[in-house]
């Protein structure tokens, strides 16, 4: 009987500890993302993150995540999962479209809609652009975000551009990626600082970006 009565209490205690640990992990992820975005990935230590997250143990980041690289990967994964869900839904809607706009929209809208969902201020765009421009950190983003939905989107776009030579297609893919990453980071920074933005909403902003990227992809090729 003692074991029967004690089991629910022990289970409840384990559940409470798991909830606290989960809450602490989420807090650390949020604080780390903000500090990395505002100060730079290499300028912020795990100790500073632990202190900013109100953790009495300065080794809290290491306890919950391991290395700094593991922490960076966890931040990317947290956002990548939601972005992937949004992209999959869009892909289901467009099917086998032959319209370049549909496929470019699948590249752009999942990211902008996710940022819009988060509300202002956000920090992820400024965080991820640092990773993508650093040769040591870029693979983290690629590993965590380039899955089946993104591969399907790129393949769909390529099918709409059969006349575009492969070297030009690769070159414009790099251009499009850099434009998207840096422009999202610039808008996010402006919103966080309360400065002027060219378009008032993320929905309007993504439309402008899609227009520009379509122009990039369909621009004539000089022989």
N, C-alpha and C. Protein backbone atom coordinates (compact mmCIF):
# COMPACT_ATOMS: atom_id res chain seq x y z
N UNK A 1 0.82 -1.20 0.00
CA UNK A 1 0.00 0.00 0.00
C UNK A 1 0.87 1.26 0.00
N UNK A 2 1.97 1.22 0.75
CA UNK A 2 2.82 2.42 0.80
C UNK A 2 3.37 2.74 -0.60
N UNK A 3 3.73 1.69 -1.34
CA UNK A 3 4.24 1.93 -2.69
C UNK A 3 3.15 2.49 -3.59
N UNK A 4 1.91 1.99 -3.41
CA UNK A 4 0.81 2.47 -4.23
C UNK A 4 0.54 3.93 -3.98
N UNK A 5 0.56 4.32 -2.67
CA UNK A 5 0.30 5.72 -2.35
C UNK A 5 1.48 6.61 -2.73
N UNK A 6 2.69 6.05 -2.70
CA UNK A 6 3.86 6.89 -2.96
C UNK A 6 4.12 7.11 -4.44
N UNK A 7 3.68 6.21 -5.28
CA UNK A 7 3.98 6.31 -6.71
C UNK A 7 3.43 7.57 -7.36
N UNK A 8 2.16 7.95 -7.13
CA UNK A 8 1.67 9.19 -7.74
C UNK A 8 2.46 10.41 -7.29
N UNK A 9 2.87 10.45 -6.05
CA UNK A 9 3.63 11.60 -5.56
C UNK A 9 4.98 11.68 -6.26
N UNK A 10 5.63 10.52 -6.37
CA UNK A 10 6.93 10.53 -7.06
C UNK A 10 6.75 10.92 -8.52
N UNK A 11 5.71 10.41 -9.16
CA UNK A 11 5.46 10.77 -10.56
C UNK A 11 5.18 12.25 -10.70
N UNK A 12 4.41 12.79 -9.75
CA UNK A 12 4.11 14.22 -9.79
C UNK A 12 5.37 15.04 -9.60
N UNK A 13 6.25 14.56 -8.71
CA UNK A 13 7.51 15.28 -8.49
C UNK A 13 8.38 15.27 -9.73
N UNK A 14 8.45 14.12 -10.39
CA UNK A 14 9.24 14.05 -11.63
C UNK A 14 8.66 14.96 -12.70
N UNK A 15 7.34 15.00 -12.80
CA UNK A 15 6.69 15.86 -13.78
C UNK A 15 6.98 17.33 -13.52
N UNK A 16 6.93 17.71 -12.23
CA UNK A 16 7.20 19.11 -11.87
C UNK A 16 8.63 19.48 -12.21
N UNK A 17 9.57 18.57 -11.92
CA UNK A 17 10.98 18.85 -12.24
C UNK A 17 11.19 18.96 -13.75
N UNK A 18 10.51 18.08 -14.49
CA UNK A 18 10.62 18.13 -15.95
C UNK A 18 10.06 19.44 -16.49
N UNK A 19 8.95 19.90 -15.91
CA UNK A 19 8.35 21.16 -16.34
C UNK A 19 9.30 22.32 -16.07
N UNK A 20 9.92 22.30 -14.88
CA UNK A 20 10.86 23.38 -14.53
C UNK A 20 12.06 23.36 -15.47
N UNK A 21 12.56 22.15 -15.74
CA UNK A 21 13.72 22.04 -16.64
C UNK A 21 13.36 22.52 -18.04
N UNK A 22 12.15 22.17 -18.51
CA UNK A 22 11.71 22.62 -19.82
C UNK A 22 11.57 24.13 -19.87
N UNK A 23 11.03 24.70 -18.81
CA UNK A 23 10.89 26.15 -18.74
C UNK A 23 12.23 26.84 -18.73
N UNK A 24 13.19 26.27 -18.02
CA UNK A 24 14.53 26.85 -17.96
C UNK A 24 15.20 26.78 -19.33
N UNK A 25 15.05 25.67 -20.02
CA UNK A 25 15.62 25.53 -21.36
C UNK A 25 15.06 26.58 -22.32
N UNK A 26 13.75 26.77 -22.28
CA UNK A 26 13.11 27.75 -23.16
C UNK A 26 13.59 29.17 -22.84
N UNK A 27 13.73 29.46 -21.55
CA UNK A 27 14.21 30.77 -21.14
C UNK A 27 15.64 31.00 -21.63
N UNK A 28 16.48 30.01 -21.47
CA UNK A 28 17.87 30.14 -21.92
C UNK A 28 17.92 30.34 -23.44
N UNK A 29 17.11 29.59 -24.18
CA UNK A 29 17.10 29.75 -25.63
C UNK A 29 16.70 31.16 -26.03
N UNK A 30 15.67 31.70 -25.39
CA UNK A 30 15.19 33.04 -25.73
C UNK A 30 16.23 34.09 -25.39
N UNK A 31 16.81 33.99 -24.20
CA UNK A 31 17.82 34.97 -23.77
C UNK A 31 19.06 34.88 -24.65
N UNK A 32 19.50 33.68 -24.95
CA UNK A 32 20.69 33.51 -25.78
C UNK A 32 20.48 34.09 -27.17
N UNK A 33 19.32 33.82 -27.75
CA UNK A 33 19.02 34.34 -29.08
C UNK A 33 19.06 35.87 -29.09
N UNK A 34 18.48 36.48 -28.07
CA UNK A 34 18.48 37.95 -28.00
C UNK A 34 19.89 38.50 -27.85
N UNK A 35 20.68 37.92 -26.97
CA UNK A 35 22.04 38.41 -26.75
C UNK A 35 22.91 38.21 -27.99
N UNK A 36 22.77 37.06 -28.63
CA UNK A 36 23.54 36.82 -29.86
C UNK A 36 23.16 37.83 -30.94
N UNK A 37 21.87 38.12 -31.07
CA UNK A 37 21.41 39.05 -32.10
C UNK A 37 21.91 40.47 -31.83
N UNK A 38 21.89 40.87 -30.56
CA UNK A 38 22.22 42.25 -30.21
C UNK A 38 23.72 42.50 -30.08
N UNK A 39 24.48 41.46 -29.65
CA UNK A 39 25.90 41.68 -29.36
C UNK A 39 26.84 40.90 -30.27
N UNK A 40 26.35 39.87 -30.90
CA UNK A 40 27.20 39.03 -31.74
C UNK A 40 27.43 37.67 -31.10
N UNK A 41 27.43 36.65 -31.94
CA UNK A 41 27.55 35.28 -31.44
C UNK A 41 28.86 35.06 -30.67
N UNK A 42 29.95 35.60 -31.18
CA UNK A 42 31.25 35.35 -30.55
C UNK A 42 31.54 36.28 -29.37
N UNK A 43 30.69 37.30 -29.20
CA UNK A 43 30.91 38.25 -28.10
C UNK A 43 30.19 37.85 -26.82
N UNK A 44 29.37 36.81 -26.89
CA UNK A 44 28.55 36.41 -25.74
C UNK A 44 28.98 35.04 -25.26
N UNK A 45 29.25 34.93 -23.96
CA UNK A 45 29.67 33.66 -23.37
C UNK A 45 28.49 32.92 -22.76
N UNK A 46 28.67 31.63 -22.54
CA UNK A 46 27.64 30.85 -21.86
C UNK A 46 27.37 31.38 -20.46
N UNK A 47 28.40 31.86 -19.81
CA UNK A 47 28.25 32.43 -18.46
C UNK A 47 27.35 33.66 -18.50
N UNK A 48 27.54 34.54 -19.49
CA UNK A 48 26.71 35.73 -19.62
C UNK A 48 25.26 35.36 -19.88
N UNK A 49 25.05 34.33 -20.66
CA UNK A 49 23.68 33.88 -20.95
C UNK A 49 23.02 33.37 -19.68
N UNK A 50 23.74 32.56 -18.92
CA UNK A 50 23.20 32.03 -17.67
C UNK A 50 22.82 33.16 -16.72
N UNK A 51 23.67 34.14 -16.60
CA UNK A 51 23.40 35.27 -15.71
C UNK A 51 22.19 36.07 -16.19
N UNK A 52 22.12 36.33 -17.50
CA UNK A 52 21.00 37.10 -18.04
C UNK A 52 19.68 36.35 -17.91
N UNK A 53 19.76 35.02 -17.88
CA UNK A 53 18.56 34.20 -17.73
C UNK A 53 18.18 34.01 -16.27
N UNK A 54 18.94 34.64 -15.37
CA UNK A 54 18.62 34.57 -13.95
C UNK A 54 18.93 33.24 -13.31
N UNK A 55 19.91 32.53 -13.87
CA UNK A 55 20.28 31.23 -13.32
C UNK A 55 21.40 31.39 -12.31
N UNK A 56 21.17 30.91 -11.10
CA UNK A 56 22.19 31.00 -10.06
C UNK A 56 23.43 30.21 -10.41
N UNK A 57 23.26 29.14 -11.16
CA UNK A 57 24.38 28.32 -11.60
C UNK A 57 24.89 28.85 -12.93
N UNK A 58 26.11 29.37 -12.95
CA UNK A 58 26.64 29.94 -14.18
C UNK A 58 26.94 28.89 -15.24
N UNK A 59 26.85 27.62 -14.86
CA UNK A 59 27.07 26.55 -15.82
C UNK A 59 25.74 26.02 -16.37
N UNK A 60 24.66 26.78 -16.20
CA UNK A 60 23.33 26.30 -16.59
C UNK A 60 23.24 26.00 -18.08
N UNK A 61 23.88 26.82 -18.90
CA UNK A 61 23.82 26.59 -20.35
C UNK A 61 24.46 25.24 -20.70
N UNK A 62 25.62 25.00 -20.12
CA UNK A 62 26.28 23.73 -20.37
C UNK A 62 25.48 22.55 -19.86
N UNK A 63 24.83 22.72 -18.72
CA UNK A 63 24.04 21.64 -18.13
C UNK A 63 22.87 21.27 -19.04
N UNK A 64 22.18 22.28 -19.57
CA UNK A 64 20.98 22.02 -20.36
C UNK A 64 21.26 21.74 -21.83
N UNK A 65 22.37 22.27 -22.36
CA UNK A 65 22.59 22.16 -23.81
C UNK A 65 23.93 21.54 -24.20
N UNK A 66 24.92 21.60 -23.34
CA UNK A 66 26.24 21.11 -23.71
C UNK A 66 27.13 22.26 -24.15
N UNK A 67 27.64 22.18 -25.36
CA UNK A 67 28.55 23.21 -25.86
C UNK A 67 27.78 24.41 -26.43
N UNK A 68 28.52 25.44 -26.73
CA UNK A 68 27.90 26.61 -27.35
C UNK A 68 27.34 26.26 -28.72
N UNK A 69 28.03 25.40 -29.44
CA UNK A 69 27.53 24.95 -30.74
C UNK A 69 26.20 24.23 -30.58
N UNK A 70 26.08 23.42 -29.55
CA UNK A 70 24.81 22.72 -29.29
C UNK A 70 23.70 23.73 -29.01
N UNK A 71 24.02 24.80 -28.31
CA UNK A 71 23.03 25.84 -28.02
C UNK A 71 22.60 26.53 -29.31
N UNK A 72 23.55 26.88 -30.16
CA UNK A 72 23.22 27.51 -31.43
C UNK A 72 22.32 26.61 -32.26
N UNK A 73 22.65 25.34 -32.28
CA UNK A 73 21.86 24.38 -33.05
C UNK A 73 20.43 24.29 -32.50
N UNK A 74 20.28 24.32 -31.18
CA UNK A 74 18.96 24.24 -30.57
C UNK A 74 18.10 25.45 -30.92
N UNK A 75 18.71 26.63 -31.00
CA UNK A 75 17.97 27.84 -31.38
C UNK A 75 17.47 27.71 -32.81
N UNK A 76 18.35 27.29 -33.71
CA UNK A 76 17.96 27.14 -35.11
C UNK A 76 16.85 26.10 -35.25
N UNK A 77 16.99 25.00 -34.53
CA UNK A 77 16.01 23.93 -34.63
C UNK A 77 14.64 24.39 -34.16
N UNK A 78 14.61 25.17 -33.09
CA UNK A 78 13.33 25.62 -32.55
C UNK A 78 12.55 26.44 -33.58
N UNK A 79 13.23 27.31 -34.31
CA UNK A 79 12.56 28.12 -35.33
C UNK A 79 12.35 27.34 -36.62
N UNK A 80 13.32 26.46 -36.94
CA UNK A 80 13.23 25.71 -38.18
C UNK A 80 12.04 24.80 -38.24
N UNK A 81 11.65 24.24 -37.11
CA UNK A 81 10.50 23.33 -37.10
C UNK A 81 9.21 24.05 -37.48
N UNK A 82 9.02 25.24 -36.95
CA UNK A 82 7.80 26.00 -37.27
C UNK A 82 7.83 26.47 -38.73
N UNK A 83 8.97 26.94 -39.19
CA UNK A 83 9.10 27.39 -40.57
C UNK A 83 8.82 26.25 -41.54
N UNK A 84 9.32 25.07 -41.21
CA UNK A 84 9.09 23.90 -42.05
C UNK A 84 7.60 23.56 -42.12
N UNK A 85 6.92 23.64 -40.98
CA UNK A 85 5.48 23.36 -40.96
C UNK A 85 4.72 24.30 -41.88
N UNK A 86 5.07 25.58 -41.84
CA UNK A 86 4.42 26.57 -42.70
C UNK A 86 4.72 26.30 -44.17
N UNK A 87 5.94 25.91 -44.48
CA UNK A 87 6.30 25.65 -45.88
C UNK A 87 5.59 24.41 -46.41
N UNK A 88 5.50 23.38 -45.61
CA UNK A 88 4.80 22.17 -46.04
C UNK A 88 3.35 22.48 -46.39
N UNK A 89 2.70 23.31 -45.57
CA UNK A 89 1.31 23.68 -45.84
C UNK A 89 1.20 24.43 -47.16
N UNK A 90 2.15 25.31 -47.44
CA UNK A 90 2.13 26.05 -48.70
C UNK A 90 2.37 25.12 -49.88
N UNK A 91 3.29 24.19 -49.73
CA UNK A 91 3.57 23.25 -50.81
C UNK A 91 2.34 22.40 -51.13
N UNK A 92 1.62 22.02 -50.11
CA UNK A 92 0.39 21.25 -50.33
C UNK A 92 -0.63 22.06 -51.14
N UNK A 93 -0.63 23.37 -50.95
CA UNK A 93 -1.58 24.23 -51.65
C UNK A 93 -1.21 24.40 -53.13
N UNK A 94 0.07 24.54 -53.44
CA UNK A 94 0.45 24.86 -54.83
C UNK A 94 0.63 23.62 -55.69
N UNK A 95 0.80 22.46 -55.07
CA UNK A 95 0.91 21.23 -55.86
C UNK A 95 2.06 21.27 -56.84
N UNK A 96 1.76 21.03 -58.12
CA UNK A 96 2.78 21.00 -59.18
C UNK A 96 2.74 22.28 -60.01
N UNK A 97 2.61 23.40 -59.35
CA UNK A 97 2.52 24.69 -60.03
C UNK A 97 3.70 24.91 -60.98
N UNK A 98 3.43 25.64 -62.06
CA UNK A 98 4.48 26.04 -63.00
C UNK A 98 4.72 27.55 -62.93
N UNK A 99 4.22 28.18 -61.88
CA UNK A 99 4.34 29.63 -61.70
C UNK A 99 5.52 29.92 -60.77
N UNK A 100 6.49 30.67 -61.27
CA UNK A 100 7.67 31.02 -60.49
C UNK A 100 7.28 31.68 -59.16
N UNK A 101 6.24 32.51 -59.19
CA UNK A 101 5.83 33.22 -57.97
C UNK A 101 5.46 32.24 -56.86
N UNK A 102 4.80 31.16 -57.21
CA UNK A 102 4.40 30.19 -56.18
C UNK A 102 5.62 29.62 -55.46
N UNK A 103 6.65 29.29 -56.21
CA UNK A 103 7.82 28.67 -55.61
C UNK A 103 8.67 29.67 -54.86
N UNK A 104 8.79 30.88 -55.38
CA UNK A 104 9.52 31.92 -54.65
C UNK A 104 8.78 32.26 -53.35
N UNK A 105 7.46 32.26 -53.41
CA UNK A 105 6.68 32.51 -52.20
C UNK A 105 6.95 31.45 -51.14
N UNK A 106 7.14 30.20 -51.59
CA UNK A 106 7.44 29.13 -50.64
C UNK A 106 8.83 29.28 -50.03
N UNK A 107 9.70 30.00 -50.70
CA UNK A 107 11.01 30.30 -50.12
C UNK A 107 10.92 31.43 -49.09
N UNK A 108 10.07 32.41 -49.36
CA UNK A 108 10.05 33.63 -48.56
C UNK A 108 9.01 33.59 -47.43
N UNK A 109 7.79 33.27 -47.75
CA UNK A 109 6.69 33.45 -46.79
C UNK A 109 6.80 32.65 -45.50
N UNK A 110 7.29 31.41 -45.50
CA UNK A 110 7.39 30.72 -44.22
C UNK A 110 8.23 31.48 -43.19
N UNK A 111 9.34 32.06 -43.63
CA UNK A 111 10.18 32.82 -42.71
C UNK A 111 9.55 34.10 -42.24
N UNK A 112 8.94 34.85 -43.15
CA UNK A 112 8.34 36.12 -42.77
C UNK A 112 7.09 35.90 -41.91
N UNK A 113 6.33 34.89 -42.23
CA UNK A 113 5.13 34.60 -41.43
C UNK A 113 5.49 34.13 -40.03
N UNK A 114 6.57 33.38 -39.92
CA UNK A 114 7.02 32.96 -38.60
C UNK A 114 7.43 34.16 -37.77
N UNK A 115 8.17 35.09 -38.36
CA UNK A 115 8.57 36.30 -37.64
C UNK A 115 7.35 37.12 -37.24
N UNK A 116 6.37 37.18 -38.13
CA UNK A 116 5.13 37.92 -37.81
C UNK A 116 4.41 37.27 -36.65
N UNK A 117 4.38 35.95 -36.62
CA UNK A 117 3.72 35.23 -35.53
C UNK A 117 4.38 35.52 -34.19
N UNK A 118 5.69 35.68 -34.19
CA UNK A 118 6.42 35.89 -32.94
C UNK A 118 6.11 37.24 -32.32
N UNK A 119 5.70 38.19 -33.14
CA UNK A 119 5.46 39.54 -32.62
C UNK A 119 6.77 40.29 -32.44
N UNK A 120 6.66 41.59 -32.23
CA UNK A 120 7.87 42.42 -32.10
C UNK A 120 8.19 42.64 -30.62
N UNK A 121 9.48 42.69 -30.26
CA UNK A 121 10.62 42.50 -31.16
C UNK A 121 10.95 41.03 -31.35
N UNK A 122 11.64 40.74 -32.45
CA UNK A 122 12.19 39.41 -32.68
C UNK A 122 13.70 39.55 -32.85
N UNK A 123 14.38 38.44 -32.75
CA UNK A 123 15.84 38.45 -32.85
C UNK A 123 16.39 37.39 -33.81
N UNK A 124 15.52 36.51 -34.28
CA UNK A 124 16.03 35.34 -35.00
C UNK A 124 16.70 35.71 -36.33
N UNK A 125 16.14 36.64 -37.07
CA UNK A 125 16.73 36.99 -38.38
C UNK A 125 18.14 37.53 -38.21
N UNK A 126 18.34 38.37 -37.19
CA UNK A 126 19.68 38.92 -36.94
C UNK A 126 20.63 37.84 -36.43
N UNK A 127 20.09 36.90 -35.70
CA UNK A 127 20.90 35.78 -35.20
C UNK A 127 21.35 34.88 -36.35
N UNK A 128 20.40 34.47 -37.18
CA UNK A 128 20.73 33.47 -38.19
C UNK A 128 21.61 34.03 -39.29
N UNK A 129 21.51 35.32 -39.57
CA UNK A 129 22.36 35.88 -40.61
C UNK A 129 23.83 35.84 -40.19
N UNK A 130 24.10 35.92 -38.89
CA UNK A 130 25.48 35.79 -38.42
C UNK A 130 26.01 34.39 -38.67
N UNK A 131 25.17 33.40 -38.41
CA UNK A 131 25.61 32.01 -38.62
C UNK A 131 25.87 31.75 -40.09
N UNK A 132 24.99 32.24 -40.96
CA UNK A 132 25.11 31.94 -42.38
C UNK A 132 26.29 32.65 -43.04
N UNK A 133 26.80 33.69 -42.44
CA UNK A 133 27.94 34.40 -43.02
C UNK A 133 29.26 34.00 -42.37
N UNK A 134 29.21 33.03 -41.47
CA UNK A 134 30.43 32.55 -40.82
C UNK A 134 30.73 31.13 -41.30
N UNK A 135 31.93 30.88 -41.84
CA UNK A 135 32.22 29.55 -42.39
C UNK A 135 32.19 28.43 -41.35
N UNK A 136 32.42 28.77 -40.08
CA UNK A 136 32.41 27.75 -39.04
C UNK A 136 31.01 27.42 -38.55
N UNK A 137 30.07 28.33 -38.76
CA UNK A 137 28.74 28.17 -38.19
C UNK A 137 27.66 27.89 -39.24
N UNK A 138 27.96 28.14 -40.47
CA UNK A 138 26.94 28.01 -41.52
C UNK A 138 26.33 26.61 -41.57
N UNK A 139 27.15 25.59 -41.39
CA UNK A 139 26.65 24.22 -41.47
C UNK A 139 25.55 23.93 -40.45
N UNK A 140 25.55 24.66 -39.34
CA UNK A 140 24.50 24.46 -38.34
C UNK A 140 23.15 24.77 -38.96
N UNK A 141 23.06 25.90 -39.64
CA UNK A 141 21.80 26.31 -40.26
C UNK A 141 21.42 25.35 -41.38
N UNK A 142 22.38 25.00 -42.21
CA UNK A 142 22.11 24.10 -43.33
C UNK A 142 21.61 22.75 -42.82
N UNK A 143 22.28 22.21 -41.82
CA UNK A 143 21.90 20.90 -41.29
C UNK A 143 20.49 20.91 -40.69
N UNK A 144 20.13 22.00 -40.03
CA UNK A 144 18.86 22.05 -39.30
C UNK A 144 17.68 22.52 -40.15
N UNK A 145 17.95 23.15 -41.28
CA UNK A 145 16.84 23.74 -42.05
C UNK A 145 16.67 23.17 -43.45
N UNK A 146 17.73 22.62 -44.04
CA UNK A 146 17.60 22.14 -45.42
C UNK A 146 17.09 20.70 -45.41
N UNK A 147 15.77 20.58 -45.29
CA UNK A 147 15.13 19.28 -45.28
C UNK A 147 14.30 19.07 -46.53
N UNK A 148 13.42 18.07 -46.50
CA UNK A 148 12.62 17.73 -47.68
C UNK A 148 11.77 18.87 -48.22
N UNK A 149 11.18 19.69 -47.34
CA UNK A 149 10.30 20.75 -47.84
C UNK A 149 11.08 21.81 -48.60
N UNK A 150 12.25 22.17 -48.11
CA UNK A 150 13.05 23.18 -48.80
C UNK A 150 13.63 22.60 -50.09
N UNK A 151 14.03 21.35 -50.04
CA UNK A 151 14.54 20.70 -51.25
C UNK A 151 13.45 20.64 -52.33
N UNK A 152 12.23 20.33 -51.92
CA UNK A 152 11.12 20.28 -52.86
C UNK A 152 10.84 21.67 -53.45
N UNK A 153 10.99 22.70 -52.64
CA UNK A 153 10.77 24.06 -53.12
C UNK A 153 11.81 24.45 -54.16
N UNK A 154 13.05 24.16 -53.87
CA UNK A 154 14.13 24.49 -54.82
C UNK A 154 13.95 23.72 -56.12
N UNK A 155 13.59 22.45 -56.01
CA UNK A 155 13.36 21.65 -57.22
C UNK A 155 12.20 22.22 -58.04
N UNK A 156 11.14 22.64 -57.37
CA UNK A 156 10.00 23.22 -58.08
C UNK A 156 10.37 24.50 -58.80
N UNK A 157 11.18 25.34 -58.15
CA UNK A 157 11.62 26.58 -58.79
C UNK A 157 12.50 26.27 -60.00
N UNK A 158 13.39 25.31 -59.85
CA UNK A 158 14.27 24.96 -60.96
C UNK A 158 13.49 24.44 -62.17
N UNK A 159 12.41 23.73 -61.93
CA UNK A 159 11.59 23.22 -63.04
C UNK A 159 10.94 24.36 -63.82
N UNK A 160 10.75 25.48 -63.16
CA UNK A 160 10.15 26.64 -63.83
C UNK A 160 11.18 27.46 -64.61
N UNK A 161 12.44 27.11 -64.48
CA UNK A 161 13.51 27.89 -65.12
C UNK A 161 14.40 27.00 -65.99
N UNK A 162 13.80 26.24 -66.91
CA UNK A 162 14.58 25.26 -67.68
C UNK A 162 15.61 25.90 -68.60
N UNK A 163 15.38 27.15 -69.01
CA UNK A 163 16.29 27.81 -69.95
C UNK A 163 17.46 28.49 -69.23
N UNK A 164 17.43 28.55 -67.93
CA UNK A 164 18.48 29.24 -67.18
C UNK A 164 19.68 28.30 -67.03
N UNK A 165 20.84 28.70 -67.56
CA UNK A 165 22.03 27.83 -67.44
C UNK A 165 22.34 27.51 -65.98
N UNK A 166 22.85 26.31 -65.74
CA UNK A 166 23.11 25.88 -64.37
C UNK A 166 24.03 26.83 -63.60
N UNK A 167 25.15 27.32 -64.18
CA UNK A 167 25.99 28.24 -63.42
C UNK A 167 25.24 29.52 -63.00
N UNK A 168 24.39 30.02 -63.90
CA UNK A 168 23.61 31.22 -63.59
C UNK A 168 22.57 30.90 -62.51
N UNK A 169 21.97 29.73 -62.59
CA UNK A 169 20.97 29.32 -61.60
C UNK A 169 21.60 29.24 -60.20
N UNK A 170 22.79 28.67 -60.12
CA UNK A 170 23.49 28.57 -58.84
C UNK A 170 23.87 29.95 -58.32
N UNK A 171 24.35 30.79 -59.23
CA UNK A 171 24.75 32.14 -58.85
C UNK A 171 23.56 32.94 -58.32
N UNK A 172 22.44 32.85 -59.00
CA UNK A 172 21.26 33.60 -58.57
C UNK A 172 20.66 33.01 -57.29
N UNK A 173 20.84 31.72 -57.10
CA UNK A 173 20.41 31.13 -55.84
C UNK A 173 21.17 31.73 -54.67
N UNK A 174 22.48 31.92 -54.83
CA UNK A 174 23.29 32.56 -53.78
C UNK A 174 22.84 34.01 -53.57
N UNK A 175 22.60 34.71 -54.67
CA UNK A 175 22.14 36.10 -54.56
C UNK A 175 20.81 36.18 -53.81
N UNK A 176 19.90 35.30 -54.18
CA UNK A 176 18.57 35.32 -53.56
C UNK A 176 18.67 35.03 -52.07
N UNK A 177 19.51 34.07 -51.70
CA UNK A 177 19.65 33.73 -50.28
C UNK A 177 20.20 34.90 -49.48
N UNK A 178 21.24 35.54 -50.01
CA UNK A 178 21.83 36.67 -49.29
C UNK A 178 20.85 37.83 -49.18
N UNK A 179 20.15 38.12 -50.26
CA UNK A 179 19.17 39.21 -50.22
C UNK A 179 18.11 38.94 -49.16
N UNK A 180 17.60 37.72 -49.16
CA UNK A 180 16.53 37.39 -48.21
C UNK A 180 17.03 37.47 -46.78
N UNK A 181 18.16 36.86 -46.48
CA UNK A 181 18.68 36.84 -45.12
C UNK A 181 18.95 38.24 -44.59
N UNK A 182 19.65 39.03 -45.38
CA UNK A 182 20.07 40.35 -44.89
C UNK A 182 18.91 41.33 -44.83
N UNK A 183 17.98 41.24 -45.76
CA UNK A 183 16.84 42.15 -45.72
C UNK A 183 15.91 41.83 -44.56
N UNK A 184 15.73 40.55 -44.25
CA UNK A 184 14.93 40.20 -43.09
C UNK A 184 15.59 40.71 -41.82
N UNK A 185 16.91 40.57 -41.73
CA UNK A 185 17.63 41.05 -40.55
C UNK A 185 17.53 42.57 -40.42
N UNK A 186 17.60 43.28 -41.56
CA UNK A 186 17.51 44.73 -41.52
C UNK A 186 16.13 45.19 -41.06
N UNK A 187 15.08 44.54 -41.56
CA UNK A 187 13.73 44.92 -41.13
C UNK A 187 13.53 44.59 -39.65
N UNK A 188 14.01 43.44 -39.23
CA UNK A 188 13.87 43.07 -37.83
C UNK A 188 14.58 44.08 -36.92
N UNK A 189 15.76 44.51 -37.32
CA UNK A 189 16.49 45.50 -36.53
C UNK A 189 15.72 46.82 -36.47
N UNK A 190 15.18 47.24 -37.60
CA UNK A 190 14.43 48.49 -37.63
C UNK A 190 13.20 48.43 -36.71
N UNK A 191 12.50 47.31 -36.74
CA UNK A 191 11.33 47.16 -35.87
C UNK A 191 11.73 47.17 -34.40
N UNK A 192 12.84 46.51 -34.08
CA UNK A 192 13.29 46.47 -32.69
C UNK A 192 13.72 47.84 -32.19
N UNK A 193 14.28 48.64 -33.09
CA UNK A 193 14.77 49.97 -32.71
C UNK A 193 13.73 51.06 -32.89
N UNK A 194 12.58 50.71 -33.47
CA UNK A 194 11.52 51.68 -33.67
C UNK A 194 11.81 52.69 -34.76
N UNK A 195 12.64 52.32 -35.72
CA UNK A 195 12.95 53.23 -36.83
C UNK A 195 12.07 52.92 -38.03
N UNK A 196 12.14 53.76 -39.05
CA UNK A 196 11.25 53.68 -40.21
C UNK A 196 11.48 52.39 -40.99
N UNK A 197 10.40 51.81 -41.47
CA UNK A 197 10.47 50.67 -42.39
C UNK A 197 9.69 51.02 -43.65
N UNK A 198 10.15 50.50 -44.78
CA UNK A 198 9.54 50.86 -46.05
C UNK A 198 8.09 50.39 -46.14
N UNK A 199 7.79 49.26 -45.51
CA UNK A 199 6.42 48.72 -45.53
C UNK A 199 5.99 48.42 -44.11
N UNK A 200 4.75 48.72 -43.76
CA UNK A 200 4.33 48.65 -42.36
C UNK A 200 4.15 47.25 -41.79
N UNK A 201 3.88 46.26 -42.62
CA UNK A 201 3.61 44.92 -42.10
C UNK A 201 4.52 43.88 -42.76
N UNK A 202 4.67 42.75 -42.09
CA UNK A 202 5.45 41.66 -42.67
C UNK A 202 4.79 41.15 -43.94
N UNK A 203 3.47 41.13 -44.00
CA UNK A 203 2.78 40.65 -45.19
C UNK A 203 3.11 41.51 -46.41
N UNK A 204 3.11 42.83 -46.21
CA UNK A 204 3.46 43.72 -47.31
C UNK A 204 4.95 43.61 -47.66
N UNK A 205 5.75 43.43 -46.64
CA UNK A 205 7.20 43.33 -46.86
C UNK A 205 7.54 42.08 -47.67
N UNK A 206 6.91 40.95 -47.32
CA UNK A 206 7.21 39.73 -48.04
C UNK A 206 6.78 39.82 -49.50
N UNK A 207 5.69 40.55 -49.77
CA UNK A 207 5.26 40.73 -51.15
C UNK A 207 6.31 41.47 -51.96
N UNK A 208 6.86 42.52 -51.37
CA UNK A 208 7.92 43.27 -52.04
C UNK A 208 9.15 42.43 -52.28
N UNK A 209 9.50 41.61 -51.31
CA UNK A 209 10.67 40.76 -51.46
C UNK A 209 10.45 39.71 -52.54
N UNK A 210 9.26 39.14 -52.59
CA UNK A 210 8.94 38.15 -53.62
C UNK A 210 9.01 38.79 -55.00
N UNK A 211 8.47 40.00 -55.14
CA UNK A 211 8.54 40.71 -56.42
C UNK A 211 10.01 40.87 -56.85
N UNK A 212 10.86 41.30 -55.92
CA UNK A 212 12.27 41.54 -56.25
C UNK A 212 12.98 40.25 -56.62
N UNK A 213 12.70 39.17 -55.90
CA UNK A 213 13.37 37.91 -56.19
C UNK A 213 12.91 37.31 -57.52
N UNK A 214 11.63 37.50 -57.84
CA UNK A 214 11.16 37.04 -59.15
C UNK A 214 11.92 37.78 -60.26
N UNK A 215 12.09 39.09 -60.05
CA UNK A 215 12.85 39.87 -61.03
C UNK A 215 14.28 39.35 -61.16
N UNK A 216 14.87 38.96 -60.04
CA UNK A 216 16.23 38.42 -60.07
C UNK A 216 16.30 37.11 -60.83
N UNK A 217 15.37 36.22 -60.54
CA UNK A 217 15.37 34.91 -61.19
C UNK A 217 15.07 34.99 -62.70
N UNK A 218 14.21 35.95 -63.09
CA UNK A 218 13.80 36.03 -64.49
C UNK A 218 14.57 37.07 -65.29
N UNK A 219 15.56 37.68 -64.69
CA UNK A 219 16.36 38.68 -65.41
C UNK A 219 17.07 38.03 -66.61
N UNK A 220 17.26 38.79 -67.69
CA UNK A 220 17.94 38.22 -68.87
C UNK A 220 19.39 37.86 -68.53
N UNK A 221 19.91 36.92 -69.30
CA UNK A 221 21.29 36.46 -69.13
C UNK A 221 22.12 36.99 -70.28
N UNK A 222 23.16 37.73 -69.97
CA UNK A 222 24.06 38.25 -71.01
C UNK A 222 24.92 37.12 -71.54
N UNK A 223 24.94 36.92 -72.86
CA UNK A 223 25.76 35.81 -73.44
C UNK A 223 27.24 36.02 -73.12
